Amino acid sequence: MNMIANLQTDITPDGPDYDIVRRVIELITEDYRDQPSLEAIAARLNQSPTQLQKTFTRWAGLSPKGFLQAVTLDHAKRLLRKEDMPLLETSIEVGLSGPSRLHDLFVTHEAMSPGEWKAKGGGLTIRYGFHICPFGIALIMVTNRGLAGLAFSDSGDEKACLEDMTCRWPNAQYVEDLQATVPYAARIFEPGKWSSEQPLRVVLIGTDFQVSVWQSLMKIPFGKAVTYSDIAKDIGRPTAQRAVGAAVGANPISFVVPCHRAVGKNGALTGYHWGLTRKRAMLGWESAHA
């Protein structure tokens, strides 16, 4: 369980840089209402403001101040699409190229058949590996048909994270295989490697209803957000908001199937399976790359 691939050679899971970045993200996302200054954050971490700025910018892609602006409630509200505009129209409005690219441009997906889902992973071999990423430690799970799972953990919680995911498909065979998951890790967290010519292959394992919700999530443009009621309307089940929320929470491929872009009706950042800190971190990270 201690085999964690390091995607950036100057930051290791046990090194000071990674620990500092993690603590900065936690401080910013937890105290964003107080608008803490760079100097205040640096003082709490016993770092110089200059070094902290350099470290955080290298890792997160934007400065602590820029990240702070990205996680405010007002920003979340601005991410919401225009009222009563269908998701598909929103996707068309932002265009199919440029910084606001759609997930559909670099992800191709297929759903397993109902029979395969009912088998709860029976006959399926899932290879997995843990990788350092901008949001802590990522657990990546792949099959011969593509990416099947993406979860997140803090250092020391890898076992619980793996158990959380494996219980979804208890009859599958699991093999730790970093060689199989490293290519996925490099592509998922490096926007420069997102390509419509070589899209990331994703396989959705869930009920028909869950898959319909996850497919709707994949329509949300990069750097935008929608409400749960928007998703319910998009799948033709406008009164099924609670069921939609449950399906969003059960999404096994976090970030790639962007459940973090689903927010409350007033723009509030509601629950997230891997923690609200990560949800804010993801929205901020996307703002830096949009």
Protein backbone atom coordinates (compact mmCIF):
# COMPACT_ATOMS: atom_id res chain seq x y z
CA MET A 1 0.00 0.00 0.00
CA ASN A 2 3.04 2.26 0.20
CA MET A 3 3.79 2.21 -3.53
CA ILE A 4 3.00 5.79 -4.55
CA ALA A 5 4.16 7.06 -7.92
CA ASN A 6 5.66 10.54 -7.91
CA LEU A 7 4.64 12.55 -10.98
CA GLN A 8 6.91 15.50 -10.26
CA THR A 9 10.49 14.73 -9.34
CA ASP A 10 10.93 17.80 -7.12
CA ILE A 11 7.92 17.01 -4.92
CA THR A 12 7.66 13.74 -3.01
CA PRO A 13 4.79 12.50 -0.82
CA ASP A 14 6.97 12.73 2.29
CA GLY A 15 8.91 15.84 1.30
CA PRO A 16 8.45 19.37 2.67
CA ASP A 17 7.11 20.84 -0.60
CA TYR A 18 4.17 18.47 -0.84
CA ASP A 19 3.31 18.93 2.82
CA ILE A 20 3.42 22.72 2.50
CA VAL A 21 1.20 22.73 -0.59
CA ARG A 22 -1.35 20.48 1.08
CA ARG A 23 -1.47 22.68 4.18
CA VAL A 24 -1.77 25.86 2.10
CA ILE A 25 -4.74 24.44 0.19
CA GLU A 26 -6.37 23.40 3.46
CA LEU A 27 -5.83 26.82 5.03
CA ILE A 28 -7.09 28.71 2.01
CA THR A 29 -10.17 26.57 1.48
CA GLU A 30 -11.11 26.47 5.15
CA ASP A 31 -10.47 30.17 5.87
CA TYR A 32 -11.37 31.71 2.51
CA ARG A 33 -14.11 33.87 4.04
CA ASP A 34 -11.45 35.71 6.06
CA GLN A 35 -9.40 36.40 2.91
CA PRO A 36 -6.04 35.57 4.57
CA SER A 37 -3.01 37.36 3.14
CA LEU A 38 0.03 35.59 1.77
CA GLU A 39 2.02 36.87 4.74
CA ALA A 40 -0.53 35.49 7.20
CA ILE A 41 -0.54 32.08 5.54
CA ALA A 42 3.26 32.00 5.39
CA ALA A 43 3.53 32.91 9.08
CA ARG A 44 1.21 30.06 10.08
CA LEU A 45 3.38 27.63 8.12
CA ASN A 46 6.72 29.07 9.26
CA GLN A 47 7.64 29.89 5.67
CA SER A 48 8.84 33.04 3.93
CA PRO A 49 6.16 34.64 1.70
CA THR A 50 8.49 34.51 -1.31
CA GLN A 51 9.27 30.81 -1.02
CA LEU A 52 5.65 29.95 -0.26
CA GLN A 53 4.48 31.82 -3.35
CA LYS A 54 7.02 30.00 -5.52
CA THR A 55 6.22 26.56 -4.13
CA PHE A 56 2.46 26.97 -4.33
CA THR A 57 2.50 28.44 -7.83
CA ARG A 58 4.71 25.64 -9.15
CA TRP A 59 2.36 23.00 -7.77
CA ALA A 60 -1.12 24.52 -8.15
CA GLY A 61 -0.56 26.56 -11.30
CA LEU A 62 -1.57 29.88 -9.73
CA SER A 63 -0.65 32.01 -6.75
CA PRO A 64 -2.24 31.59 -3.31
CA LYS A 65 -4.08 34.89 -3.90
CA GLY A 66 -5.42 33.68 -7.24
CA PHE A 67 -6.49 30.42 -5.70
CA LEU A 68 -8.22 32.27 -2.86
CA GLN A 69 -10.23 34.27 -5.38
CA ALA A 70 -11.17 31.08 -7.19
CA VAL A 71 -12.77 29.41 -4.18
CA THR A 72 -15.04 32.23 -3.06
CA LEU A 73 -18.79 31.77 -3.16
CA ASP A 74 -19.16 34.60 -5.67
CA HIS A 75 -16.85 32.74 -8.02
CA ALA A 76 -18.93 29.59 -7.66
CA LYS A 77 -22.02 31.57 -8.56
CA ARG A 78 -20.30 32.97 -11.63
CA LEU A 79 -19.53 29.44 -12.75
CA LEU A 80 -23.21 28.65 -12.99
CA ARG A 81 -24.67 28.68 -16.46
CA LYS A 82 -27.43 31.05 -17.52
CA GLU A 83 -30.82 30.31 -16.00
CA ASP A 84 -32.96 27.83 -17.95
CA MET A 85 -30.27 27.14 -20.55
CA PRO A 86 -29.97 23.39 -21.24
CA LEU A 87 -26.59 21.84 -20.56
CA LEU A 88 -26.04 21.01 -24.19
CA GLU A 89 -26.64 24.63 -25.18
CA THR A 90 -24.19 25.73 -22.51
CA SER A 91 -21.61 23.39 -24.00
CA ILE A 92 -22.15 24.83 -27.46
CA GLU A 93 -22.03 28.39 -26.14
CA VAL A 94 -18.53 28.01 -24.71
CA GLY A 95 -17.28 26.54 -27.97
CA LEU A 96 -15.48 23.35 -28.85
CA SER A 97 -11.97 24.76 -28.70
CA GLY A 98 -9.89 27.11 -26.60
CA PRO A 99 -9.48 27.19 -22.82
CA SER A 100 -13.08 26.25 -21.99
CA ARG A 101 -12.86 22.91 -23.76
CA LEU A 102 -15.41 20.24 -22.93
CA HIS A 103 -14.67 16.93 -21.28
CA ASP A 104 -16.11 15.29 -24.38
CA LEU A 105 -13.19 16.65 -26.35
CA PHE A 106 -10.63 14.61 -24.47
CA VAL A 107 -12.66 11.81 -22.90
CA THR A 108 -14.41 8.99 -24.69
CA HIS A 109 -16.63 6.79 -22.57
CA GLU A 110 -18.68 3.63 -22.66
CA ALA A 111 -21.01 2.08 -20.11
CA MET A 112 -20.87 -1.54 -19.04
CA SER A 113 -24.00 -3.55 -19.74
CA PRO A 114 -26.60 -4.03 -16.96
CA GLY A 115 -25.52 -7.65 -16.73
CA GLU A 116 -21.90 -6.69 -16.19
CA TRP A 117 -22.90 -4.20 -13.51
CA LYS A 118 -25.06 -6.77 -11.70
CA ALA A 119 -22.07 -9.10 -11.58
CA LYS A 120 -20.45 -6.51 -9.27
CA GLY A 121 -17.13 -6.80 -11.02
CA GLY A 122 -17.23 -10.56 -11.49
CA GLY A 123 -14.81 -11.60 -14.25
CA LEU A 124 -13.22 -8.14 -14.23
CA THR A 125 -9.54 -7.44 -13.47
CA ILE A 126 -8.94 -3.95 -12.10
CA ARG A 127 -5.38 -2.67 -11.87
CA TYR A 128 -4.68 0.16 -9.46
CA GLY A 129 -1.99 2.51 -8.24
CA PHE A 130 -1.58 5.53 -5.95
CA HIS A 131 -0.17 8.76 -7.39
CA ILE A 132 0.69 12.21 -6.09
CA CYS A 133 -1.54 14.85 -7.70
CA PRO A 134 -2.57 18.47 -7.06
CA PHE A 135 -5.32 17.24 -4.71
CA GLY A 136 -3.35 14.90 -2.48
CA ILE A 137 -3.01 11.24 -3.37
CA ALA A 138 -5.01 9.87 -6.29
CA LEU A 139 -6.08 6.24 -6.49
CA ILE A 140 -6.35 5.31 -10.16
CA MET A 141 -8.12 2.11 -11.22
CA VAL A 142 -8.10 0.81 -14.79
CA THR A 143 -9.45 -2.12 -16.78
CA ASN A 144 -8.55 -3.29 -20.26
CA ARG A 145 -11.38 -1.03 -21.47
CA GLY A 146 -10.14 2.15 -19.80
CA LEU A 147 -10.26 4.20 -16.60
CA ALA A 148 -12.84 2.76 -14.18
CA GLY A 149 -12.06 4.54 -10.92
CA LEU A 150 -10.43 7.71 -9.63
CA ALA A 151 -10.49 8.48 -5.91
CA PHE A 152 -8.54 10.72 -3.54
CA SER A 153 -6.81 10.22 -0.22
CA ASP A 154 -4.58 11.94 2.29
CA SER A 155 -1.26 10.39 3.23
CA GLY A 156 -1.84 7.46 5.56
CA ASP A 157 -5.44 6.92 4.43
CA GLU A 158 -4.67 4.92 1.29
CA LYS A 159 -6.01 1.65 2.71
CA ALA A 160 -9.39 3.18 3.58
CA CYS A 161 -9.56 4.80 0.15
CA LEU A 162 -8.87 1.49 -1.58
CA GLU A 163 -11.49 -0.28 0.54
CA ASP A 164 -14.02 2.43 -0.31
CA MET A 165 -13.52 1.76 -4.00
CA THR A 166 -13.16 -2.03 -4.00
CA CYS A 167 -16.43 -2.49 -2.11
CA ARG A 168 -18.22 -1.04 -5.14
CA TRP A 169 -17.16 -4.02 -7.24
CA PRO A 170 -16.51 -6.74 -4.63
CA ASN A 171 -16.28 -9.60 -7.12
CA ALA A 172 -13.51 -8.08 -9.23
CA GLN A 173 -9.88 -9.16 -9.07
CA TYR A 174 -7.58 -6.33 -7.95
CA VAL A 175 -3.92 -6.07 -8.91
CA GLU A 176 -1.57 -3.29 -7.81
CA ASP A 177 0.13 -2.23 -11.04
CA LEU A 178 1.77 1.21 -11.23
CA GLN A 179 3.02 0.51 -14.72
CA ALA A 180 -0.60 0.35 -15.88
CA THR A 181 -1.78 3.46 -14.02
CA VAL A 182 1.14 5.90 -14.45
CA PRO A 183 0.14 6.84 -18.03
CA TYR A 184 -3.37 7.70 -16.84
CA ALA A 185 -2.05 9.81 -13.95
CA ALA A 186 0.18 11.82 -16.26
CA ARG A 187 -2.67 12.57 -18.67
CA ILE A 188 -5.42 13.28 -16.15
CA PHE A 189 -3.59 15.99 -14.24
CA GLU A 190 -1.66 17.65 -17.06
CA PRO A 191 -3.97 19.77 -19.27
CA GLY A 192 -1.26 20.02 -21.90
CA LYS A 193 -1.72 16.31 -22.55
CA TRP A 194 -5.50 16.50 -23.03
CA SER A 195 -6.14 15.77 -26.68
CA SER A 196 -9.19 15.12 -28.83
CA GLU A 197 -6.97 13.09 -31.14
CA GLN A 198 -6.07 10.68 -28.34
CA PRO A 199 -9.00 10.88 -25.91
CA LEU A 200 -8.84 9.31 -22.48
CA ARG A 201 -10.83 6.07 -22.42
CA VAL A 202 -13.32 5.81 -19.56
CA VAL A 203 -15.64 2.94 -18.64
CA LEU A 204 -18.71 3.71 -16.52
CA ILE A 205 -19.81 0.96 -14.13
CA GLY A 206 -23.21 1.68 -12.57
CA THR A 207 -26.98 1.46 -12.92
CA ASP A 208 -28.66 2.94 -15.97
CA PHE A 209 -29.79 5.92 -13.87
CA GLN A 210 -26.33 6.51 -12.43
CA VAL A 211 -24.73 6.32 -15.86
CA SER A 212 -27.23 8.86 -17.23
CA VAL A 213 -26.28 11.26 -14.41
CA TRP A 214 -22.56 10.73 -14.96
CA GLN A 215 -22.96 11.31 -18.69
CA SER A 216 -24.75 14.56 -17.89
CA LEU A 217 -21.87 15.61 -15.64
CA MET A 218 -19.51 15.14 -18.56
CA LYS A 219 -21.40 17.81 -20.50
CA ILE A 220 -20.41 20.50 -17.99
CA PRO A 221 -17.77 22.73 -19.58
CA PHE A 222 -14.33 22.98 -18.01
CA GLY A 223 -14.29 25.88 -15.55
CA LYS A 224 -18.10 25.97 -15.18
CA ALA A 225 -20.66 24.52 -12.76
CA VAL A 226 -24.32 23.48 -12.70
CA THR A 227 -26.88 22.69 -10.02
CA TYR A 228 -28.35 19.29 -9.18
CA SER A 229 -31.71 20.45 -10.53
CA ASP A 230 -30.00 21.30 -13.83
CA ILE A 231 -28.75 17.73 -14.08
CA ALA A 232 -32.17 16.32 -13.19
CA LYS A 233 -33.75 18.34 -15.99
CA ASP A 234 -31.02 17.33 -18.43
CA ILE A 235 -31.69 13.61 -17.96
CA GLY A 236 -35.45 14.09 -18.19
CA ARG A 237 -36.13 13.51 -14.48
CA PRO A 238 -36.81 17.04 -13.16
CA THR A 239 -38.28 15.83 -9.85
CA ALA A 240 -35.46 13.38 -9.09
CA GLN A 241 -33.04 15.86 -7.58
CA ARG A 242 -32.31 13.73 -4.50
CA ALA A 243 -31.67 10.65 -6.60
CA VAL A 244 -29.42 12.75 -8.83
CA GLY A 245 -27.51 13.92 -5.76
CA ALA A 246 -27.02 10.31 -4.67
CA ALA A 247 -25.78 9.32 -8.12
CA VAL A 248 -23.38 12.27 -8.19
CA GLY A 249 -22.04 11.19 -4.80
CA ALA A 250 -21.57 7.62 -6.05
CA ASN A 251 -19.51 8.69 -9.07
CA PRO A 252 -16.49 6.34 -9.12
CA ILE A 253 -14.37 8.46 -11.49
CA SER A 254 -14.02 11.75 -9.64
CA PHE A 255 -12.55 14.77 -11.42
CA VAL A 256 -12.62 13.16 -14.89
CA VAL A 257 -16.38 12.70 -14.54
CA PRO A 258 -16.62 16.15 -12.93
CA CYS A 259 -18.99 15.71 -10.00
CA HIS A 260 -17.11 18.58 -8.29
CA ARG A 261 -18.81 20.93 -10.77
CA ALA A 262 -22.24 20.18 -9.28
CA VAL A 263 -23.19 22.86 -6.73
CA GLY A 264 -26.20 23.95 -4.71
CA LYS A 265 -28.92 26.10 -6.26
CA ASN A 266 -27.43 29.32 -4.85
CA GLY A 267 -23.88 28.36 -5.80
CA ALA A 268 -23.04 26.84 -2.42
CA LEU A 269 -20.38 24.14 -2.52
CA THR A 270 -22.37 21.24 -1.13
CA GLY A 271 -21.07 17.83 -0.05
CA TYR A 272 -18.30 15.99 -1.86
CA HIS A 273 -17.35 12.36 -1.24
CA TRP A 274 -13.65 13.18 -0.94
CA GLY A 275 -14.14 16.34 1.13
CA LEU A 276 -15.18 19.93 0.45
CA THR A 277 -11.56 21.07 0.67
CA ARG A 278 -10.78 19.02 -2.42
CA LYS A 279 -13.90 20.25 -4.20
CA ARG A 280 -12.80 23.85 -3.71
CA ALA A 281 -9.25 22.92 -4.67
CA MET A 282 -10.45 21.35 -7.92
CA LEU A 283 -12.55 24.36 -8.89
CA GLY A 284 -9.62 26.65 -8.11
CA TRP A 285 -7.17 24.48 -10.05
CA GLU A 286 -9.49 24.46 -13.05
CA SER A 287 -9.79 28.25 -12.90
CA ALA A 288 -6.01 28.42 -13.19
CA HIS A 289 -6.05 26.25 -16.31
CA ALA A 290 -9.21 27.58 -17.96
